[in-house]
Amino acid sequence: MPLSYQAAVGEYLCNKALTHYRSYEEARTDVFDYIRFYNHQRRHSTLGYLTPVEFERRRSELSA
């Protein structure tokens, strides 16, 4: 069963939290790195195996 965005982030952070962040800034950086990965690199089956950024780029080209 595919994970929702929130579930994917939660799972990632729970796994990462086991290593205990040394600071708030380290945790914050890690969260934003994951969000960048999720939106710019991870392919989504519901979007035809495109990244969200690529999907939106193609959609905007079609409507132009």
C-alpha atoms as a PDB file:
ATOM      1  CA  MET A   1       0.000   0.000   0.000  1.00  0.00           C
ATOM      2  CA  PRO A   2       1.521   3.375  -0.986  1.00  0.00           C
ATOM      3  CA  LEU A   3       2.314   5.820   1.776  1.00  0.00           C
ATOM      4  CA  SER A   4       0.788   9.265   1.924  1.00  0.00           C
ATOM      5  CA  TYR A   5       3.157  12.216   2.038  1.00  0.00           C
ATOM      6  CA  GLN A   6       2.607  12.667   5.772  1.00  0.00           C
ATOM      7  CA  ALA A   7       3.130   8.966   6.435  1.00  0.00           C
ATOM      8  CA  ALA A   8       6.313   8.921   4.357  1.00  0.00           C
ATOM      9  CA  VAL A   9       7.754  11.922   6.203  1.00  0.00           C
ATOM     10  CA  GLY A  10       6.679  10.472   9.538  1.00  0.00           C
ATOM     11  CA  GLU A  11       8.265   7.113   8.786  1.00  0.00           C
ATOM     12  CA  TYR A  12      11.476   8.759   7.624  1.00  0.00           C
ATOM     13  CA  LEU A  13      11.696  10.968  10.687  1.00  0.00           C
ATOM     14  CA  CYS A  14      10.886   8.133  13.086  1.00  0.00           C
ATOM     15  CA  ASN A  15      13.677   6.067  11.585  1.00  0.00           C
ATOM     16  CA  LYS A  16      16.037   9.028  11.647  1.00  0.00           C
ATOM     17  CA  ALA A  17      15.062  10.003  15.210  1.00  0.00           C
ATOM     18  CA  LEU A  18      16.517   6.721  16.395  1.00  0.00           C
ATOM     19  CA  THR A  19      19.924   8.299  15.747  1.00  0.00           C
ATOM     20  CA  HIS A  20      19.009  11.336  17.923  1.00  0.00           C
ATOM     21  CA  TYR A  21      19.603  14.715  16.430  1.00  0.00           C
ATOM     22  CA  ARG A  22      22.238  16.844  18.102  1.00  0.00           C
ATOM     23  CA  SER A  23      20.313  20.084  17.561  1.00  0.00           C
ATOM     24  CA  TYR A  24      17.051  21.549  16.352  1.00  0.00           C
ATOM     25  CA  GLU A  25      18.851  22.970  13.317  1.00  0.00           C
ATOM     26  CA  GLU A  26      20.185  19.523  12.385  1.00  0.00           C
ATOM     27  CA  ALA A  27      16.661  18.060  12.556  1.00  0.00           C
ATOM     28  CA  ARG A  28      15.191  21.002  10.613  1.00  0.00           C
ATOM     29  CA  THR A  29      17.812  20.673   7.877  1.00  0.00           C
ATOM     30  CA  ASP A  30      17.104  16.970   7.590  1.00  0.00           C
ATOM     31  CA  VAL A  31      13.347  17.555   7.246  1.00  0.00           C
ATOM     32  CA  PHE A  32      13.855  20.121   4.474  1.00  0.00           C
ATOM     33  CA  ASP A  33      16.342  17.836   2.698  1.00  0.00           C
ATOM     34  CA  TYR A  34      13.713  15.093   2.725  1.00  0.00           C
ATOM     35  CA  ILE A  35      11.019  17.449   1.407  1.00  0.00           C
ATOM     36  CA  ARG A  36      13.348  18.458  -1.454  1.00  0.00           C
ATOM     37  CA  PHE A  37      13.997  14.774  -2.219  1.00  0.00           C
ATOM     38  CA  TYR A  38      10.275  13.984  -2.068  1.00  0.00           C
ATOM     39  CA  ASN A  39       9.312  16.758  -4.474  1.00  0.00           C
ATOM     40  CA  HIS A  40      12.304  16.811  -6.835  1.00  0.00           C
ATOM     41  CA  GLN A  41      13.658  13.255  -7.042  1.00  0.00           C
ATOM     42  CA  ARG A  42      11.158  10.669  -5.814  1.00  0.00           C
ATOM     43  CA  ARG A  43       8.931   9.365  -8.594  1.00  0.00           C
ATOM     44  CA  HIS A  44       5.239   8.939  -7.772  1.00  0.00           C
ATOM     45  CA  SER A  45       3.175   6.180  -9.354  1.00  0.00           C
ATOM     46  CA  THR A  46       0.001   8.303  -9.196  1.00  0.00           C
ATOM     47  CA  LEU A  47       1.754  10.941 -11.316  1.00  0.00           C
ATOM     48  CA  GLY A  48       2.819   8.514 -14.035  1.00  0.00           C
ATOM     49  CA  TYR A  49       6.168   7.887 -12.332  1.00  0.00           C
ATOM     50  CA  LEU A  50       7.171  11.541 -12.539  1.00  0.00           C
ATOM     51  CA  THR A  51       8.381  13.703  -9.698  1.00  0.00           C
ATOM     52  CA  PRO A  52       5.823  16.272  -8.484  1.00  0.00           C
ATOM     53  CA  VAL A  53       7.965  19.081  -9.916  1.00  0.00           C
ATOM     54  CA  GLU A  54       8.210  17.393 -13.330  1.00  0.00           C
ATOM     55  CA  PHE A  55       4.487  16.616 -13.315  1.00  0.00           C
ATOM     56  CA  GLU A  56       3.609  20.263 -12.642  1.00  0.00           C
ATOM     57  CA  ARG A  57       6.088  21.472 -15.285  1.00  0.00           C
ATOM     58  CA  ARG A  58       4.545  19.217 -17.931  1.00  0.00           C
ATOM     59  CA  ARG A  59       1.014  20.124 -16.878  1.00  0.00           C
ATOM     60  CA  SER A  60       1.751  23.833 -17.172  1.00  0.00           C
ATOM     61  CA  GLU A  61       3.282  23.309 -20.641  1.00  0.00           C
ATOM     62  CA  LEU A  62       0.121  21.544 -21.825  1.00  0.00           C
ATOM     63  CA  SER A  63      -2.147  24.318 -20.562  1.00  0.00           C
ATOM     64  CA  ALA A  64      -0.037  27.091 -22.108  1.00  0.00           C
END
